[in-house]
Amino acid sequence: MKPCPFILIIAGSLLVLGAITSHSRDKDKAIQTPTTTPYIGYVVDESGKPVEGATVRIQTEKGSTTTNLDGSFILFSHTDKQPVTISAWKEGYYCSSQENVEAGQVLPRLVLRKYQITDNPEYAWVPPEGTNSCYSCKPTVTQVWLNNDAHGKSAKNPRFLTMYYGTNLSGQTSPLTRYVTTQDYGRMPLPPDTSRPYYGPGFKLDFPESNGNCSTCHIPGAALADAYGVDPNSVTGVDTYGIHCDFCHKIADTSVKENSLPDPGMPGVLSLDIRRPFPDDKDRYQLFFGTFDDDNVPKEDTKLPLLSESRYCASCHYGVFWDTQIYNSYGEWLASSYSNPVTGRTCQQCHMPSPTILNGITITNVAEGKGGVNRDPDSIHAHTFPGAASQELLQNALTLTTSARRMENNNAIRVDVRLYNDRTGHHIPTDSPLRQMILLVRAYNSSGQPLTLIQGDTLPDWTGVGNPEDGYYAGLPGKGYAKILSELWTGISPTGAYWNPTRLESDTRLPALTSDDSTYLFSASPSSPVTVDVQVWFRRAYRSLADLKGWKDPDILMESSRMIVK
């Protein structure tokens, strides 16, 4: 039997695809017919030169192919839908597409256009909501972002602003920092004057003549023009959202050093390559980086693989001040097995989980009625970015294992606790050194009276000195997990004023895939049943600091266990 060659002439070139032969059950009768009709074409650049290695697919289908050296491709469909849209993409180029393509049809050449390699400082950011906004085109995914993401509130975050200006939530301001000059050490700060009203530390109290670099992460769009000159209260318009949609979708690259970490002297936007387009360029008037390589807005959208990589997050999730590493969730992830490209998980897989759901409805079209197409919902990443305020995320961060039993002398209860960070790709807690995790272990007799701890850890003063019923746990059985920084000159510890020189006093946090065991012995009557309660709490800030600032963020219960010992 001779196979039947499938031959097409495309743009003056003879293309012989070869035969696709199938056989019937009767071995003597060969059926010489293709099992499916392919789509055939070329991908070229603006000058007409072939583009090798471009990804070509039928829009929204999972299967794809890549172009050959001469830019040619052969694409088979796994469905019978007709007609289809054929898309092409390669990194560095906008997406390209051809609609209404029939199987076997000779495609016009798909043309890929490069996007610009420079940044336009005069570009006006697209607002998240309002007229001509992100919401105008993509209302559902934008609404999910508006409802959930703390990035969009980073410029107006009350903890950020009160720490920056040295105020409490009512606007009362602490006195400026006092200094003393010595012959040996020069000018040194003094601890706060407790004889005057004090509302906690503030960057502007220590450096009243400087705006600092806080905005390079909190308000990066404004910081592009003046990284060390942005006063957060002065920003207007789109910049009041902080880290907004258009800014994130203009990041072309994140710079890291040989150790795969950003340059500590280049925080936030200083380590980012931003590509704001030139509206006067009719062929490149807009540029949005995304995760689809088959987008059908060929003069605006393109895929950027970086958007699916953890490195995308690195510049604002790694920070060094005065040679002390302050926050480092990216480096913690990098040092763990979660960074394994085959078996690990990226930041986006945990913090942008798909599908996207709004008001109970799963989103399948990100721009319905605006040129969008229906897609597999698992390909649409949710812009929820759950973090330190997400109860669901925190309650799926680690595993608590407990046991309780009477000792042989029958006069004591032994409680064993294990915390295992088996579900988080970085330390718990991470980033802001104000955050803590508190393990609280309590035992009660049948009358509800607390039993006396006779052996085991007790919680430190930084968990709050006061009434336990109000969340002040110092001295109670348990352990605290935190990164404790102390100021070099004033000795204040723990401190969140890491803009001053600090030293690492201790770090008891749980790295990824590590566990911590602790044991507690309580005095107990032999004849009385005992109730043992074990709780793991997440706290946004040290209680003493929160009281000064007036912050009311509630603690979040991460895990709990109750056991009855008879």
Protein backbone atom coordinates (compact mmCIF):
# COMPACT_ATOMS: atom_id res chain seq x y z
CA MET A 1 0.00 0.00 0.00
CA LYS A 2 1.27 3.45 -0.89
CA PRO A 3 0.41 6.26 1.49
CA CYS A 4 -1.32 9.23 -0.02
CA PRO A 5 0.75 12.41 0.37
CA PHE A 6 -1.00 15.55 1.54
CA ILE A 7 0.39 18.47 -0.47
CA LEU A 8 -0.30 22.19 -0.19
CA ILE A 9 1.26 25.17 -1.90
CA ILE A 10 1.61 28.05 0.56
CA ALA A 11 2.95 31.46 -0.46
CA GLY A 12 4.73 29.95 -3.43
CA SER A 13 6.35 27.13 -1.43
CA LEU A 14 5.64 23.47 -1.90
CA LEU A 15 4.88 21.82 1.43
CA VAL A 16 4.67 18.01 1.54
CA LEU A 17 3.20 16.92 4.85
CA GLY A 18 3.45 13.22 4.30
CA ALA A 19 0.76 10.64 4.48
CA ILE A 20 -1.59 9.79 7.31
CA THR A 21 -2.73 6.22 6.73
CA SER A 22 -5.24 4.13 8.63
CA HIS A 23 -6.34 0.54 8.16
CA SER A 24 -9.70 -1.16 8.43
CA ARG A 25 -10.14 -4.47 10.24
CA ASP A 26 -9.91 -6.12 6.84
CA LYS A 27 -6.15 -6.17 6.36
CA ASP A 28 -6.58 -6.54 2.62
CA LYS A 29 -8.39 -3.18 2.32
CA ALA A 30 -6.36 -0.10 3.22
CA ILE A 31 -8.19 3.16 3.75
CA GLN A 32 -5.99 5.99 2.51
CA THR A 33 -7.55 8.97 4.28
CA PRO A 34 -6.28 11.46 6.87
CA THR A 35 -7.61 10.94 10.40
CA THR A 36 -8.00 14.73 10.72
CA THR A 37 -7.41 17.74 8.52
CA PRO A 38 -4.59 20.00 9.75
CA TYR A 39 -4.28 23.75 9.83
CA ILE A 40 -1.16 24.90 8.00
CA GLY A 41 0.56 28.24 7.81
CA TYR A 42 3.53 30.49 8.50
CA VAL A 43 4.46 32.98 11.21
CA VAL A 44 6.60 35.95 10.21
CA ASP A 45 7.72 39.21 11.77
CA GLU A 46 6.87 42.70 10.52
CA SER A 47 9.59 42.58 7.88
CA GLY A 48 8.33 39.26 6.54
CA LYS A 49 11.14 37.16 8.00
CA PRO A 50 10.15 33.73 9.38
CA VAL A 51 9.77 33.47 13.15
CA GLU A 52 11.10 30.20 14.55
CA GLY A 53 9.86 28.83 17.88
CA ALA A 54 6.57 30.71 17.99
CA THR A 55 3.73 29.01 19.85
CA VAL A 56 0.70 28.36 17.66
CA ARG A 57 -2.62 27.02 18.91
CA ILE A 58 -6.30 26.98 18.22
CA GLN A 59 -7.53 29.66 20.56
CA THR A 60 -8.43 28.35 24.06
CA GLU A 61 -7.34 24.78 23.27
CA LYS A 62 -4.64 23.22 25.44
CA GLY A 63 -2.70 21.61 22.59
CA SER A 64 -0.22 23.73 20.66
CA THR A 65 2.72 23.48 18.30
CA THR A 66 5.80 25.58 17.56
CA THR A 67 7.01 26.98 14.27
CA ASN A 68 9.93 25.53 12.38
CA LEU A 69 13.06 27.31 11.19
CA ASP A 70 11.18 28.64 8.18
CA GLY A 71 8.26 29.81 10.35
CA SER A 72 5.94 27.05 9.15
CA PHE A 73 3.57 25.07 11.36
CA ILE A 74 1.14 22.18 11.15
CA LEU A 75 -1.61 22.19 13.75
CA PHE A 76 -4.17 19.50 14.45
CA SER A 77 -7.37 20.12 16.33
CA HIS A 78 -8.68 17.83 19.03
CA THR A 79 -12.25 19.01 18.51
CA ASP A 80 -14.64 19.29 15.58
CA LYS A 81 -15.52 22.93 16.10
CA GLN A 82 -15.56 25.01 12.92
CA PRO A 83 -14.42 27.61 12.12
CA VAL A 84 -11.63 28.40 14.57
CA THR A 85 -9.26 31.19 15.54
CA ILE A 86 -5.57 30.40 15.12
CA SER A 87 -3.21 32.32 17.41
CA ALA A 88 0.54 32.78 17.46
CA TRP A 89 2.89 34.18 20.08
CA LYS A 90 6.56 34.38 20.97
CA GLU A 91 8.21 36.12 23.88
CA GLY A 92 9.04 39.70 22.98
CA TYR A 93 6.11 39.98 20.57
CA TYR A 94 2.43 40.86 20.82
CA CYS A 95 0.00 38.02 20.25
CA SER A 96 -1.33 37.54 16.73
CA SER A 97 -4.42 35.75 15.52
CA GLN A 98 -6.52 34.85 12.49
CA GLU A 99 -10.25 34.33 12.89
CA ASN A 100 -12.70 32.15 10.95
CA VAL A 101 -10.16 29.58 9.78
CA GLU A 102 -11.50 26.40 8.21
CA ALA A 103 -9.63 23.11 8.45
CA GLY A 104 -7.36 22.61 5.46
CA GLN A 105 -7.53 26.29 4.58
CA VAL A 106 -4.31 28.01 3.54
CA LEU A 107 -3.80 30.65 6.25
CA PRO A 108 -2.57 34.13 5.53
CA ARG A 109 0.77 34.64 7.21
CA LEU A 110 0.41 35.38 10.90
CA VAL A 111 2.46 38.49 11.64
CA LEU A 112 4.12 38.95 15.02
CA ARG A 113 5.03 42.51 16.02
CA LYS A 114 7.61 43.24 18.69
CA TYR A 115 6.54 45.37 21.62
CA GLN A 116 8.67 48.33 22.66
CA ILE A 117 11.91 47.90 24.59
CA THR A 118 11.77 51.35 26.21
CA ASP A 119 9.57 52.95 28.85
CA ASN A 120 7.42 56.05 28.40
CA PRO A 121 7.51 58.26 31.53
CA GLU A 122 4.69 60.41 30.12
CA TYR A 123 2.23 57.52 30.02
CA ALA A 124 -0.97 57.97 32.03
CA TRP A 125 -1.92 54.89 34.07
CA VAL A 126 -5.22 53.17 33.31
CA PRO A 127 -7.38 53.40 36.46
CA PRO A 128 -8.80 50.20 37.98
CA GLU A 129 -12.36 51.56 37.97
CA GLY A 130 -14.32 54.39 36.39
CA THR A 131 -14.36 55.65 32.81
CA ASN A 132 -11.92 53.94 30.41
CA SER A 133 -10.71 51.69 33.20
CA CYS A 134 -9.75 48.07 33.75
CA TYR A 135 -13.30 47.57 34.99
CA SER A 136 -14.68 48.89 31.69
CA CYS A 137 -13.21 45.92 29.82
CA LYS A 138 -12.77 43.22 32.47
CA PRO A 139 -15.42 43.93 35.14
CA THR A 140 -15.56 40.52 36.80
CA VAL A 141 -11.85 39.91 37.41
CA THR A 142 -11.40 43.58 38.36
CA GLN A 143 -14.22 43.33 40.89
CA VAL A 144 -12.62 40.24 42.42
CA TRP A 145 -9.40 42.25 42.75
CA LEU A 146 -11.18 45.25 44.26
CA ASN A 147 -12.98 43.01 46.76
CA ASN A 148 -9.95 41.08 47.95
CA ASP A 149 -6.46 42.26 47.13
CA ALA A 150 -4.44 44.23 49.69
CA HIS A 151 -2.04 45.32 46.92
CA GLY A 152 -4.71 47.74 45.73
CA LYS A 153 -4.86 49.29 49.19
CA SER A 154 -1.13 49.53 49.86
CA ALA A 155 -1.00 53.33 49.54
CA LYS A 156 -3.76 53.82 52.12
CA ASN A 157 -3.08 50.92 54.48
CA PRO A 158 -3.62 52.37 57.97
CA ARG A 159 -0.77 50.37 59.53
CA PHE A 160 1.59 51.60 56.82
CA LEU A 161 0.55 55.25 57.18
CA THR A 162 0.57 55.36 60.98
CA MET A 163 4.00 53.74 61.06
CA TYR A 164 5.24 56.09 58.35
CA TYR A 165 4.03 59.31 60.00
CA GLY A 166 4.30 58.27 63.65
CA THR A 167 0.60 58.73 64.41
CA ASN A 168 -2.24 56.68 65.77
CA LEU A 169 -5.46 56.03 63.86
CA SER A 170 -6.95 59.21 65.31
CA GLY A 171 -4.18 61.29 63.79
CA GLN A 172 -2.39 62.12 67.04
CA THR A 173 1.36 62.35 66.46
CA SER A 174 4.24 61.22 68.63
CA PRO A 175 6.99 63.76 69.45
CA LEU A 176 9.96 63.96 67.11
CA THR A 177 12.83 61.66 68.01
CA ARG A 178 15.33 63.14 70.47
CA TYR A 179 19.06 62.82 69.87
CA VAL A 180 22.22 63.11 71.90
CA THR A 181 25.70 63.76 70.54
CA THR A 182 28.70 61.96 71.99
CA GLN A 183 32.37 62.31 71.24
CA ASP A 184 32.78 58.61 70.50
CA TYR A 185 29.67 57.82 68.47
CA GLY A 186 28.38 61.16 67.25
CA ARG A 187 24.61 61.70 67.01
CA MET A 188 22.49 58.92 68.51
CA PRO A 189 18.72 58.61 68.96
CA LEU A 190 17.23 58.37 72.46
CA PRO A 191 14.27 56.22 73.54
CA PRO A 192 10.83 57.92 73.47
CA ASP A 193 10.10 60.44 76.22
CA THR A 194 7.50 58.63 78.33
CA SER A 195 6.54 61.90 80.08
CA ARG A 196 4.83 63.05 76.87
CA PRO A 197 1.96 61.44 74.96
CA TYR A 198 3.38 58.77 72.66
CA TYR A 199 1.60 57.00 69.82
CA GLY A 200 4.31 54.69 68.58
CA PRO A 201 7.25 55.05 66.20
CA GLY A 202 7.25 56.68 62.77
CA PHE A 203 9.68 57.03 59.92
CA LYS A 204 9.01 60.76 59.67
CA LEU A 205 9.74 61.17 63.39
CA ASP A 206 13.23 59.78 62.84
CA PHE A 207 13.84 61.30 59.39
CA PRO A 208 11.62 64.39 59.10
CA GLU A 209 13.59 65.78 56.15
CA SER A 210 13.35 62.60 54.04
CA ASN A 211 10.52 60.71 52.37
CA GLY A 212 12.48 57.46 52.31
CA ASN A 213 12.04 54.53 49.94
CA CYS A 214 8.79 53.10 51.34
CA SER A 215 6.90 54.07 48.19
CA THR A 216 9.11 51.93 45.97
CA CYS A 217 6.93 49.03 47.12
CA HIS A 218 3.78 50.67 48.50
CA ILE A 219 3.22 53.21 45.69
CA PRO A 220 5.51 52.03 42.86
CA GLY A 221 3.74 53.86 40.05
CA ALA A 222 4.53 57.20 41.67
CA ALA A 223 7.99 56.08 42.78
CA LEU A 224 9.03 55.47 39.17
CA ALA A 225 9.58 59.21 38.78
CA ASP A 226 11.20 59.82 42.18
CA ALA A 227 12.00 56.67 44.14
CA TYR A 228 13.03 58.54 47.31
CA GLY A 229 10.79 61.57 47.03
CA VAL A 230 7.19 60.35 47.32
CA ASP A 231 5.14 61.48 50.31
CA PRO A 232 2.28 58.94 50.55
CA ASN A 233 -0.26 61.61 51.48
CA SER A 234 0.55 63.58 48.34
CA VAL A 235 -0.38 60.95 45.76
CA THR A 236 -3.55 61.34 43.72
CA GLY A 237 -5.55 59.53 41.07
CA VAL A 238 -4.54 56.00 40.14
CA ASP A 239 -1.60 56.07 42.57
CA THR A 240 -3.99 56.15 45.54
CA TYR A 241 -4.61 52.45 44.82
CA GLY A 242 -0.95 51.69 45.52
CA ILE A 243 0.01 48.59 43.53
CA HIS A 244 -2.69 48.78 40.88
CA CYS A 245 -3.65 46.62 37.88
CA ASP A 246 -1.97 48.62 35.14
CA PHE A 247 1.31 48.82 37.02
CA CYS A 248 1.51 45.06 37.61
CA HIS A 249 0.69 44.34 33.97
CA LYS A 250 3.50 46.64 32.79
CA ILE A 251 6.30 44.74 34.59
CA ALA A 252 8.54 43.21 31.92
CA ASP A 253 11.26 41.84 34.19
CA THR A 254 12.51 41.59 37.76
CA SER A 255 16.24 41.92 38.27
CA VAL A 256 18.08 39.55 40.61
CA LYS A 257 21.75 39.03 41.38
CA GLU A 258 23.85 35.88 41.07
CA ASN A 259 22.37 34.59 44.34
CA SER A 260 18.91 34.87 42.69
CA LEU A 261 17.90 37.61 45.13
CA PRO A 262 17.32 41.28 44.26
CA ASP A 263 19.97 43.89 44.95
CA PRO A 264 19.31 44.98 48.56
CA GLY A 265 20.04 48.57 47.57
CA MET A 266 17.36 48.49 44.84
CA PRO A 267 14.05 47.82 46.60
CA GLY A 268 10.70 47.52 44.89
CA VAL A 269 10.30 49.35 41.62
CA LEU A 270 14.05 50.03 41.44
CA SER A 271 14.56 46.34 40.55
CA LEU A 272 11.76 46.24 37.99
CA ASP A 273 11.83 46.77 34.24
CA ILE A 274 8.65 48.72 33.45
CA ARG A 275 7.31 49.09 29.91
CA ARG A 276 4.83 51.94 29.68
CA PRO A 277 3.76 52.28 26.01
CA PHE A 278 3.59 55.25 23.67
CA PRO A 279 -0.05 56.09 22.83
CA ASP A 280 1.01 58.01 19.69
CA ASP A 281 2.43 54.81 18.15
CA LYS A 282 -0.53 53.42 16.19
CA ASP A 283 0.96 49.91 16.21
CA ARG A 284 2.12 49.89 19.83
CA TYR A 285 -0.25 52.25 21.58
CA GLN A 286 -0.79 49.93 24.54
CA LEU A 287 0.91 46.98 26.24
CA PHE A 288 -0.53 44.60 28.80
CA PHE A 289 1.43 41.57 29.93
CA GLY A 290 -0.70 38.57 30.85
CA THR A 291 -0.70 34.78 30.96
CA PHE A 292 -2.58 33.98 27.71
CA ASP A 293 -0.54 33.32 24.57
CA ASP A 294 -3.72 33.31 22.46
CA ASP A 295 -5.16 36.70 23.35
CA ASN A 296 -7.08 38.33 20.52
CA VAL A 297 -6.18 41.97 21.17
CA PRO A 298 -3.07 41.92 18.99
CA LYS A 299 -2.07 45.55 19.47
CA GLU A 300 -2.31 45.50 23.24
CA ASP A 301 -1.80 42.10 24.85
CA THR A 302 0.91 39.50 25.10
CA LYS A 303 1.99 36.65 27.29
CA LEU A 304 4.87 37.13 29.73
CA PRO A 305 6.16 33.87 31.25
CA LEU A 306 7.52 35.83 34.23
CA LEU A 307 3.95 36.40 35.41
CA SER A 308 3.79 32.71 36.32
CA GLU A 309 7.15 32.70 38.10
CA SER A 310 7.85 33.53 41.73
CA ARG A 311 10.67 35.85 40.67
CA TYR A 312 7.97 38.27 39.55
CA CYS A 313 7.28 38.94 43.26
CA ALA A 314 10.90 39.14 44.42
CA SER A 315 11.65 42.86 44.50
CA CYS A 316 8.95 43.74 47.06
CA HIS A 317 9.20 40.53 49.09
CA TYR A 318 12.86 40.81 49.97
CA GLY A 319 14.17 43.75 51.97
CA VAL A 320 17.43 44.64 53.69
CA PHE A 321 17.89 47.73 55.89
CA TRP A 322 21.23 48.68 57.43
CA ASP A 323 22.61 45.25 56.48
CA THR A 324 19.86 43.48 58.43
CA GLN A 325 17.48 41.29 56.47
CA ILE A 326 14.00 42.45 57.44
CA TYR A 327 11.60 40.56 55.21
CA ASN A 328 12.33 37.74 52.82
CA SER A 329 9.37 35.59 51.83
CA TYR A 330 10.82 35.26 48.33
CA GLY A 331 14.23 34.12 49.64
CA GLU A 332 12.54 31.72 52.06
CA TRP A 333 10.61 30.20 49.17
CA LEU A 334 13.78 30.06 47.08
CA ALA A 335 15.65 28.17 49.80
CA SER A 336 12.88 25.59 50.18
CA SER A 337 11.92 22.61 48.06
CA TYR A 338 8.87 24.59 46.91
CA SER A 339 11.20 26.32 44.44
CA ASN A 340 11.90 23.04 42.64
CA PRO A 341 10.65 23.74 39.10
CA VAL A 342 9.27 20.21 38.71
CA THR A 343 7.78 19.31 42.09
CA GLY A 344 7.37 22.71 43.77
CA ARG A 345 4.77 25.46 43.77
CA THR A 346 5.05 29.09 42.78
CA CYS A 347 3.80 32.11 44.68
CA GLN A 348 1.04 32.50 42.11
CA GLN A 349 -0.27 28.97 42.56
CA CYS A 350 -1.04 29.69 46.22
CA HIS A 351 -1.88 33.39 46.07
CA MET A 352 -3.70 33.50 42.70
CA PRO A 353 -5.60 30.21 42.80
CA SER A 354 -7.90 29.35 39.92
CA PRO A 355 -10.73 29.29 39.10
CA THR A 356 -11.96 32.85 39.61
CA ILE A 357 -15.31 33.02 41.36
CA LEU A 358 -17.47 36.13 41.81
CA ASN A 359 -20.75 35.99 43.72
CA GLY A 360 -20.75 32.21 43.47
CA ILE A 361 -20.32 32.19 39.68
CA THR A 362 -17.19 30.72 38.08
CA ILE A 363 -15.74 33.12 35.51
CA THR A 364 -15.00 31.68 32.07
CA ASN A 365 -14.66 34.90 30.06
CA VAL A 366 -12.52 37.74 31.43
CA ALA A 367 -13.80 40.31 28.92
CA GLU A 368 -17.27 39.18 27.97
CA GLY A 369 -18.75 41.41 25.28
CA LYS A 370 -15.41 43.20 24.92
CA GLY A 371 -13.62 40.72 22.68
CA GLY A 372 -13.08 38.06 25.32
CA VAL A 373 -13.57 34.37 24.67
CA ASN A 374 -14.78 31.51 26.83
CA ARG A 375 -11.93 29.59 28.43
CA ASP A 376 -11.22 26.72 30.75
CA PRO A 377 -11.90 28.33 34.18
CA ASP A 378 -8.71 26.74 35.53
CA SER A 379 -6.73 28.96 33.17
CA ILE A 380 -8.13 32.15 34.73
CA HIS A 381 -6.13 32.97 37.83
CA ALA A 382 -8.04 34.63 40.65
CA HIS A 383 -6.81 38.11 41.54
CA THR A 384 -7.62 37.54 45.19
CA PHE A 385 -4.04 37.42 46.51
CA PRO A 386 -4.99 35.97 49.92
CA GLY A 387 -2.42 36.88 52.55
CA ALA A 388 -2.10 37.76 56.20
CA ALA A 389 -5.73 38.87 56.45
CA SER A 390 -7.15 35.68 54.93
CA GLN A 391 -8.62 33.32 57.50
CA GLU A 392 -8.97 30.58 54.88
CA LEU A 393 -5.32 30.83 53.88
CA LEU A 394 -4.08 30.87 57.47
CA GLN A 395 -6.23 27.93 58.43
CA ASN A 396 -4.59 25.92 55.65
CA ALA A 397 -1.03 26.99 56.44
CA LEU A 398 0.16 24.26 58.81
CA THR A 399 -0.79 21.10 60.66
CA LEU A 400 -1.35 20.93 64.42
CA THR A 401 -0.91 17.55 66.14
CA THR A 402 -1.67 17.16 69.85
CA SER A 403 -1.89 14.43 72.48
CA ALA A 404 -2.64 14.47 76.21
CA ARG A 405 -2.34 11.76 78.86
CA ARG A 406 -1.95 11.26 82.58
CA MET A 407 1.49 10.62 83.95
CA GLU A 408 2.18 7.39 85.87
CA ASN A 409 1.95 9.12 89.25
CA ASN A 410 -1.55 10.26 88.22
CA ASN A 411 -0.89 13.77 89.57
CA ALA A 412 0.06 15.43 86.28
CA ILE A 413 -1.19 15.78 82.72
CA ARG A 414 1.30 15.69 79.89
CA VAL A 415 0.46 17.57 76.69
CA ASP A 416 2.55 17.11 73.54
CA VAL A 417 2.20 19.57 70.68
CA ARG A 418 3.67 19.56 67.20
CA LEU A 419 3.37 22.37 64.67
CA TYR A 420 4.34 21.31 61.17
CA ASN A 421 4.69 23.85 58.36
CA ASP A 422 3.66 21.40 55.68
CA ARG A 423 1.47 23.64 53.53
CA THR A 424 3.31 26.95 53.17
CA GLY A 425 6.23 27.67 50.87
CA HIS A 426 7.94 30.13 53.20
CA HIS A 427 8.34 30.81 56.92
CA ILE A 428 5.29 31.17 59.17
CA PRO A 429 4.84 34.05 59.79
CA THR A 430 6.70 35.85 57.02
CA ASP A 431 7.66 39.30 55.72
CA SER A 432 6.60 42.06 58.16
CA PRO A 433 8.55 41.58 61.42
CA LEU A 434 5.46 42.75 63.31
CA ARG A 435 3.67 39.47 62.64
CA GLN A 436 3.55 36.62 65.14
CA MET A 437 2.15 33.16 65.56
CA ILE A 438 1.12 32.29 69.09
CA LEU A 439 0.72 28.75 70.41
CA LEU A 440 -1.50 28.78 73.51
CA VAL A 441 -1.81 25.63 75.65
CA ARG A 442 -4.29 25.60 78.55
CA ALA A 443 -5.67 22.88 80.82
CA TYR A 444 -8.75 23.12 83.08
CA ASN A 445 -10.27 20.97 85.81
CA SER A 446 -13.92 19.93 85.85
CA SER A 447 -14.83 23.25 87.49
CA GLY A 448 -13.22 25.24 84.70
CA GLN A 449 -10.29 26.39 86.81
CA PRO A 450 -6.92 26.58 85.00
CA LEU A 451 -4.34 24.02 86.07
CA THR A 452 -0.86 25.05 87.16
CA LEU A 453 1.94 24.54 84.67
CA ILE A 454 4.80 22.67 86.32
CA GLN A 455 7.01 22.22 83.25
CA GLY A 456 7.07 23.71 79.77
CA ASP A 457 7.46 26.95 77.83
CA THR A 458 5.56 30.13 78.64
CA LEU A 459 4.71 32.95 76.31
CA PRO A 460 7.04 36.00 76.25
CA ASP A 461 6.10 39.55 77.17
CA TRP A 462 5.77 40.58 73.54
CA THR A 463 2.55 38.55 73.34
CA GLY A 464 1.02 41.16 75.65
CA VAL A 465 1.12 41.77 79.39
CA GLY A 466 -2.38 42.01 80.80
CA ASN A 467 -5.70 40.20 80.95
CA PRO A 468 -5.64 36.93 78.95
CA GLU A 469 -9.32 37.36 78.20
CA ASP A 470 -8.38 40.47 76.21
CA GLY A 471 -5.61 38.73 74.29
CA TYR A 472 -2.66 39.49 76.57
CA TYR A 473 -0.95 36.12 76.87
CA ALA A 474 2.43 36.78 78.48
CA GLY A 475 3.28 34.10 81.06
CA LEU A 476 0.69 31.58 79.87
CA PRO A 477 1.77 28.11 78.68
CA GLY A 478 2.77 28.12 75.06
CA LYS A 479 5.29 29.42 72.53
CA GLY A 480 5.66 32.49 70.37
CA TYR A 481 6.93 32.35 66.80
CA ALA A 482 8.31 35.61 65.46
CA LYS A 483 11.31 37.45 64.09
CA ILE A 484 12.46 39.73 66.88
CA LEU A 485 14.42 42.84 65.95
CA SER A 486 15.93 45.25 68.45
CA GLU A 487 17.11 48.78 67.73
CA LEU A 488 20.85 49.18 68.10
CA TRP A 489 20.87 52.57 69.79
CA THR A 490 17.69 52.70 71.85
CA GLY A 491 17.50 49.00 72.72
CA ILE A 492 13.76 48.91 71.93
CA SER A 493 12.73 45.29 71.39
CA PRO A 494 10.79 44.07 69.57
CA THR A 495 10.71 46.94 67.11
CA GLY A 496 8.92 47.52 63.85
CA ALA A 497 10.95 50.65 63.15
CA TYR A 498 13.35 48.75 60.94
CA TRP A 499 14.24 51.92 59.04
CA ASN A 500 16.62 52.43 61.96
CA PRO A 501 19.70 50.26 62.49
CA THR A 502 18.55 46.99 64.08
CA ARG A 503 19.94 43.61 64.94
CA LEU A 504 18.30 40.22 64.81
CA GLU A 505 17.63 39.20 68.39
CA SER A 506 15.91 35.89 67.65
CA ASP A 507 13.96 34.10 64.95
CA THR A 508 11.63 31.34 66.10
CA ARG A 509 9.45 31.18 62.98
CA LEU A 510 8.74 27.90 61.22
CA PRO A 511 10.50 27.49 57.84
CA ALA A 512 8.79 25.54 55.09
CA LEU A 513 8.54 21.80 55.76
CA THR A 514 9.90 22.03 59.31
CA SER A 515 8.20 21.21 62.57
CA ASP A 516 8.44 22.31 66.18
CA ASP A 517 7.67 20.09 69.18
CA SER A 518 6.89 21.21 72.71
CA THR A 519 5.73 19.47 75.88
CA TYR A 520 3.74 20.82 78.85
CA LEU A 521 3.11 19.25 82.27
CA PHE A 522 0.15 20.44 84.32
CA SER A 523 -0.59 19.60 87.95
CA ALA A 524 -3.87 17.69 88.12
CA SER A 525 -6.06 15.90 90.65
CA PRO A 526 -6.12 12.11 90.11
CA SER A 527 -9.90 11.85 90.23
CA SER A 528 -10.94 14.87 88.15
CA PRO A 529 -11.26 14.90 84.35
CA VAL A 530 -9.17 17.53 82.59
CA THR A 531 -9.95 19.57 79.48
CA VAL A 532 -6.95 20.57 77.37
CA ASP A 533 -7.31 23.39 74.84
CA VAL A 534 -4.57 24.05 72.27
CA GLN A 535 -4.89 27.06 69.99
CA VAL A 536 -2.66 28.59 67.34
CA TRP A 537 -3.27 32.29 66.70
CA PHE A 538 -1.98 34.63 64.03
CA ARG A 539 -1.44 38.24 65.13
CA ARG A 540 -0.74 41.17 62.79
CA ALA A 541 1.33 43.25 65.24
CA TYR A 542 2.75 43.25 68.76
CA ARG A 543 0.01 44.03 71.22
CA SER A 544 1.85 46.95 72.85
CA LEU A 545 2.41 48.60 69.46
CA ALA A 546 -1.16 47.94 68.31
CA ASP A 547 -2.44 49.60 71.50
CA LEU A 548 -0.31 52.69 70.87
CA LYS A 549 -1.47 52.96 67.26
CA GLY A 550 -5.10 52.07 67.91
CA TRP A 551 -5.02 49.15 65.49
CA LYS A 552 -7.96 46.81 66.00
CA ASP A 553 -7.12 43.93 63.67
CA PRO A 554 -8.46 40.79 65.34
CA ASP A 555 -6.25 37.77 65.91
CA ILE A 556 -7.06 34.90 63.52
CA LEU A 557 -7.41 31.36 64.84
CA MET A 558 -5.28 29.15 62.60
CA GLU A 559 -5.66 25.76 64.31
CA SER A 560 -7.21 24.39 67.49
CA SER A 561 -7.63 21.15 69.39
CA ARG A 562 -9.66 20.15 72.47
CA MET A 563 -8.96 16.95 74.40
CA ILE A 564 -10.61 15.43 77.47
CA VAL A 565 -8.37 13.40 79.80
CA LYS A 566 -10.21 11.29 82.38
